[in-house]
Protein backbone atom coordinates (compact mmCIF):
# COMPACT_ATOMS: atom_id res chain seq x y z
CA UNK A 1 -10.39 12.49 14.04
CA UNK A 2 -13.17 12.15 16.80
CA UNK A 3 -13.15 8.77 17.41
CA UNK A 4 -10.55 6.42 17.25
CA UNK A 5 -10.56 3.35 15.26
CA UNK A 6 -6.89 3.08 13.77
CA UNK A 7 -5.84 -0.24 15.52
CA UNK A 8 -7.28 -3.31 16.04
CA UNK A 9 -8.09 -2.58 19.70
CA UNK A 10 -11.20 -0.11 18.05
CA UNK A 11 -10.85 1.69 21.31
CA UNK A 12 -12.99 4.44 20.14
CA UNK A 13 -11.10 7.29 22.21
CA UNK A 14 -11.58 10.98 21.13
CA UNK A 15 -7.92 11.92 21.04
CA UNK A 16 -8.67 15.28 19.87
CA UNK A 17 -10.65 16.31 23.28
CA UNK A 18 -8.09 15.02 25.60
CA UNK A 19 -8.92 10.84 25.05
CA UNK A 20 -5.97 9.15 25.34
CA UNK A 21 -7.61 5.08 24.45
CA UNK A 22 -5.60 1.84 24.70
CA UNK A 23 -2.06 3.58 23.25
CA UNK A 24 -1.90 6.44 25.82
CA UNK A 25 -1.57 8.97 23.02
CA UNK A 26 -2.88 12.09 22.22
CA UNK A 27 -3.52 13.27 18.37
CA UNK A 28 -0.27 14.63 17.48
CA UNK A 29 2.60 12.43 16.75
CA UNK A 30 5.51 11.68 19.39
CA UNK A 31 9.13 10.91 18.35
CA UNK A 32 11.25 9.74 21.17
CA UNK A 33 14.45 9.38 18.71
CA UNK A 34 15.21 10.38 14.97
CA UNK A 35 18.39 9.36 13.70
CA UNK A 36 20.63 6.97 11.49
CA UNK A 37 19.89 3.65 13.35
CA UNK A 38 22.11 0.83 12.74
CA UNK A 39 20.28 -1.91 14.15
CA UNK A 40 18.26 -3.42 11.68
CA UNK A 41 18.48 -6.24 9.20
CA UNK A 42 21.60 -5.92 6.75
CA UNK A 43 19.12 -4.80 3.60
CA UNK A 44 17.64 -2.15 5.73
CA UNK A 45 20.66 -0.97 7.56
CA UNK A 46 23.29 -0.89 5.16
CA UNK A 47 26.55 1.15 5.57
CA UNK A 48 24.84 4.79 6.26
CA UNK A 49 22.26 3.60 8.43
CA UNK A 50 18.44 3.64 8.74
CA UNK A 51 16.68 6.79 9.13
CA UNK A 52 15.02 5.51 12.05
CA UNK A 53 11.75 7.42 14.05
CA UNK A 54 10.96 6.14 16.78
CA UNK A 55 7.04 6.73 18.22
CA UNK A 56 6.24 7.22 21.76
CA UNK A 57 3.86 4.72 22.45
CA UNK A 58 1.95 1.56 21.45
CA UNK A 59 -1.20 -0.34 20.59
CA UNK A 60 -0.40 -3.52 21.61
CA UNK A 61 2.37 -3.25 24.67
CA UNK A 62 3.99 -6.69 25.14
CA UNK A 63 4.81 -7.69 28.20
CA UNK A 64 8.49 -8.83 26.77
CA UNK A 65 9.08 -4.96 25.03
CA UNK A 66 12.62 -4.42 24.11
CA UNK A 67 11.57 -0.56 23.98
CA UNK A 68 9.33 -0.44 27.11
CA UNK A 69 10.73 2.95 27.67
CA UNK A 70 9.90 4.35 24.61
CA UNK A 71 6.42 2.43 24.25
CA UNK A 72 4.86 2.95 27.32
CA UNK A 73 2.08 5.84 27.33
CA UNK A 74 4.78 8.03 29.82
CA UNK A 75 7.57 7.42 27.54
CA UNK A 76 10.01 10.48 26.38
CA UNK A 77 9.27 12.19 23.20
CA UNK A 78 8.45 15.10 21.17
CA UNK A 79 4.79 16.23 19.96
CA UNK A 80 5.42 16.70 16.08
CA UNK A 81 2.82 18.29 13.97
CA UNK A 82 2.44 17.13 10.15
CA UNK A 83 5.18 19.77 8.54
CA UNK A 84 7.64 19.12 11.91
CA UNK A 85 7.62 15.70 11.02
CA UNK A 86 7.55 16.03 7.20
CA UNK A 87 10.94 17.83 7.90
CA UNK A 88 12.18 15.34 10.21
CA UNK A 89 12.15 12.98 7.18
CA UNK A 90 13.93 15.14 4.77
CA UNK A 91 16.64 16.35 7.34
CA UNK A 92 16.98 12.11 7.79
CA UNK A 93 16.97 11.53 4.12
CA UNK A 94 19.61 14.58 3.61
CA UNK A 95 22.25 12.70 5.87
CA UNK A 96 22.43 10.15 3.45
CA UNK A 97 20.48 7.14 4.93
CA UNK A 98 19.24 4.42 2.91
CA UNK A 99 15.24 4.89 3.64
CA UNK A 100 12.97 6.31 6.57
CA UNK A 101 12.42 3.69 8.77
CA UNK A 102 8.90 4.95 10.91
CA UNK A 103 9.06 2.08 13.96
CA UNK A 104 5.66 1.56 15.85
CA UNK A 105 3.77 4.31 14.14
CA UNK A 106 0.44 3.00 14.03
CA UNK A 107 -1.16 4.68 16.46
CA UNK A 108 -0.43 7.85 14.84
CA UNK A 109 -1.13 6.68 10.95
CA UNK A 110 -3.11 9.19 9.99
CA UNK A 111 -0.86 12.16 10.97
CA UNK A 112 1.71 10.41 9.35
CA UNK A 113 0.05 9.50 6.00
CA UNK A 114 -0.61 13.29 5.48
CA UNK A 115 3.04 13.94 6.13
CA UNK A 116 4.00 11.55 3.58
CA UNK A 117 1.18 12.23 0.88
CA UNK A 118 3.40 14.31 -1.91
CA UNK A 119 6.06 14.07 -0.35
CA UNK A 120 9.23 13.39 -2.30
CA UNK A 121 11.90 11.40 -0.33
CA UNK A 122 13.79 9.47 -3.48
CA UNK A 123 14.14 6.54 -0.62
CA UNK A 124 11.97 3.74 0.49
CA UNK A 125 9.65 4.43 3.33
CA UNK A 126 9.64 1.52 5.91
CA UNK A 127 6.69 0.90 8.30
CA UNK A 128 8.10 -1.04 11.02
CA UNK A 129 5.13 -2.51 13.08
CA UNK A 130 3.93 -5.45 15.55
CA UNK A 131 1.92 -6.53 12.68
CA UNK A 132 -1.12 -6.00 14.85
CA UNK A 133 -2.75 -3.80 12.63
CA UNK A 134 -6.21 -2.88 11.18
CA UNK A 135 -7.43 -2.62 7.03
CA UNK A 136 -8.25 0.84 7.41
CA UNK A 137 -4.71 2.07 8.81
CA UNK A 138 -3.46 0.02 5.99
CA UNK A 139 -5.08 1.08 3.29
CA UNK A 140 -4.55 4.72 4.16
CA UNK A 141 -0.54 3.73 3.61
CA UNK A 142 -1.28 2.32 0.42
CA UNK A 143 1.08 4.10 -2.18
CA UNK A 144 2.98 6.29 0.82
CA UNK A 145 4.78 3.05 1.98
CA UNK A 146 7.70 0.95 -0.22
CA UNK A 147 8.73 -1.54 2.53
CA UNK A 148 6.62 -3.19 5.30
CA UNK A 149 8.60 -4.57 8.34
CA UNK A 150 5.84 -6.38 10.46
CA UNK A 151 6.48 -8.73 13.27
CA UNK A 152 4.69 -12.00 13.41
CA UNK A 153 4.87 -12.64 16.80
CA UNK A 154 2.39 -15.38 17.58
CA UNK A 155 0.94 -18.32 15.94
CA UNK A 156 -1.38 -19.39 18.79
CA UNK A 157 -3.91 -17.11 21.06
CA UNK A 158 -2.52 -18.44 24.35
CA UNK A 159 0.64 -16.23 24.07
CA UNK A 160 -1.23 -13.49 22.39
CA UNK A 161 -3.67 -13.08 25.35
CA UNK A 162 -0.87 -13.78 28.09
CA UNK A 163 1.49 -11.48 26.50
CA UNK A 164 -0.13 -8.92 24.73
CA UNK A 165 -3.68 -8.82 25.78
CA UNK A 166 -4.62 -9.79 21.82
CA UNK A 167 -6.46 -12.87 21.56
CA UNK A 168 -6.97 -12.27 18.27
CA UNK A 169 -3.30 -11.22 16.99
CA UNK A 170 -2.47 -14.82 14.75
CA UNK A 171 -5.62 -13.91 12.86
CA UNK A 172 -5.49 -10.04 12.80
CA UNK A 173 -1.40 -10.10 12.19
CA UNK A 174 -1.87 -12.79 9.21
CA UNK A 175 -4.49 -11.03 7.31
CA UNK A 176 -2.54 -7.58 7.47
CA UNK A 177 0.75 -9.57 6.33
CA UNK A 178 -1.42 -10.55 3.38
CA UNK A 179 -2.37 -7.04 2.32
CA UNK A 180 1.10 -5.54 3.17
CA UNK A 181 2.24 -7.93 0.31
CA UNK A 182 -0.58 -7.23 -1.94
CA UNK A 183 0.75 -3.72 -1.73
CA UNK A 184 4.15 -4.12 -2.56
CA UNK A 185 4.04 -7.52 -4.05
CA UNK A 186 7.49 -9.61 -4.14
CA UNK A 187 10.49 -8.12 -2.73
CA UNK A 188 12.82 -6.53 -4.56
CA UNK A 189 16.73 -5.71 -4.07
CA UNK A 190 18.46 -2.79 -5.44
CA UNK A 191 22.05 -3.08 -7.02
CA UNK A 192 23.57 -2.55 -3.44
CA UNK A 193 21.53 -5.34 -1.94
CA UNK A 194 19.71 -2.70 -0.22
CA UNK A 195 15.78 -3.44 -0.18
CA UNK A 196 13.81 -1.48 -2.05
CA UNK A 197 10.17 -2.64 -1.90
CA UNK A 198 8.61 -5.76 -0.19
CA UNK A 199 7.64 -7.43 2.98
CA UNK A 200 10.09 -8.45 5.82
CA UNK A 201 8.69 -10.75 8.58
CA UNK A 202 9.99 -10.77 11.55
CA UNK A 203 9.95 -13.20 14.64
CA UNK A 204 10.98 -13.00 18.09
CA UNK A 205 11.39 -16.82 19.52
CA UNK A 206 9.88 -16.67 22.81
CA UNK A 207 11.54 -19.01 25.27
CA UNK A 208 9.10 -21.87 26.16
CA UNK A 209 7.18 -21.57 22.87
CA UNK A 210 8.56 -23.74 20.00
CA UNK A 211 4.96 -24.42 18.96
CA UNK A 212 4.50 -21.07 18.71
CA UNK A 213 7.28 -20.45 16.50
CA UNK A 214 7.04 -23.59 14.44
CA UNK A 215 3.18 -22.04 13.71
CA UNK A 216 4.40 -18.74 12.60
CA UNK A 217 7.15 -20.36 10.28
CA UNK A 218 4.69 -23.15 8.93
CA UNK A 219 2.12 -19.93 8.17
CA UNK A 220 4.43 -18.53 6.06
CA UNK A 221 5.84 -21.00 3.86
CA UNK A 222 1.91 -22.07 3.37
CA UNK A 223 1.46 -18.67 2.23
CA UNK A 224 4.58 -17.71 0.24
CA UNK A 225 5.58 -21.05 -1.18
CA UNK A 226 7.27 -19.52 -3.91
CA UNK A 227 9.44 -17.19 -1.57
CA UNK A 228 8.60 -13.33 -2.33
CA UNK A 229 8.87 -12.25 1.41
CA UNK A 230 11.70 -12.13 3.29
CA UNK A 231 11.70 -13.78 7.15
CA UNK A 232 13.72 -12.63 9.74
CA UNK A 233 14.03 -15.05 12.83
CA UNK A 234 15.41 -13.48 16.00
CA UNK A 235 16.42 -14.93 19.02
CA UNK A 236 17.69 -11.76 21.16
CA UNK A 237 14.85 -12.59 23.74
CA UNK A 238 15.95 -10.62 27.43
């Protein structure tokens, strides 16, 4: 791997030689949970659940993270080699889930892409992320991911810096979402109303930051005037 430039932090840590960088993780994927999950949007969870793999660590690190126990560098988890990660996906698939849902995997994008390469799952792969993605990582995932489910947390640099230490988040996430859409095209539902391909943009309303949310909604309306993406407006702030 040598120096890591896989996320917009571009910290350059040598994770192969023990460097931990901003995400606090080593080179191998570390998963805290792999199971059917029923808490996603209906077109992702369906009746049989989404085959979700929650990865430990995060390259963004929001102050209000709902998965803080997992996303922290000291969070629980088991390291998985590429073959073990591939086997985990296949086991989930064989349990009848609707898709394979990779949650917060950006800092493990290289081994994840290696695990997906040539893997015939027969169900969609979901890239479930903060939206804070590098172009290099997204290009690496092209053709391997059918559904992108990014957050678009901030339209303003002020809350992005205050809560996620990422003042460049608005422009970085906007560019990432446009690239995701370029890869997948307009969303496509199956006969069972389960999402087969496309982009779902998520936005969590933050107390006191109405203008930030309106800015996100306006951006989506401006860039996707004919639709083509799904939009999930969330209010479960705690």
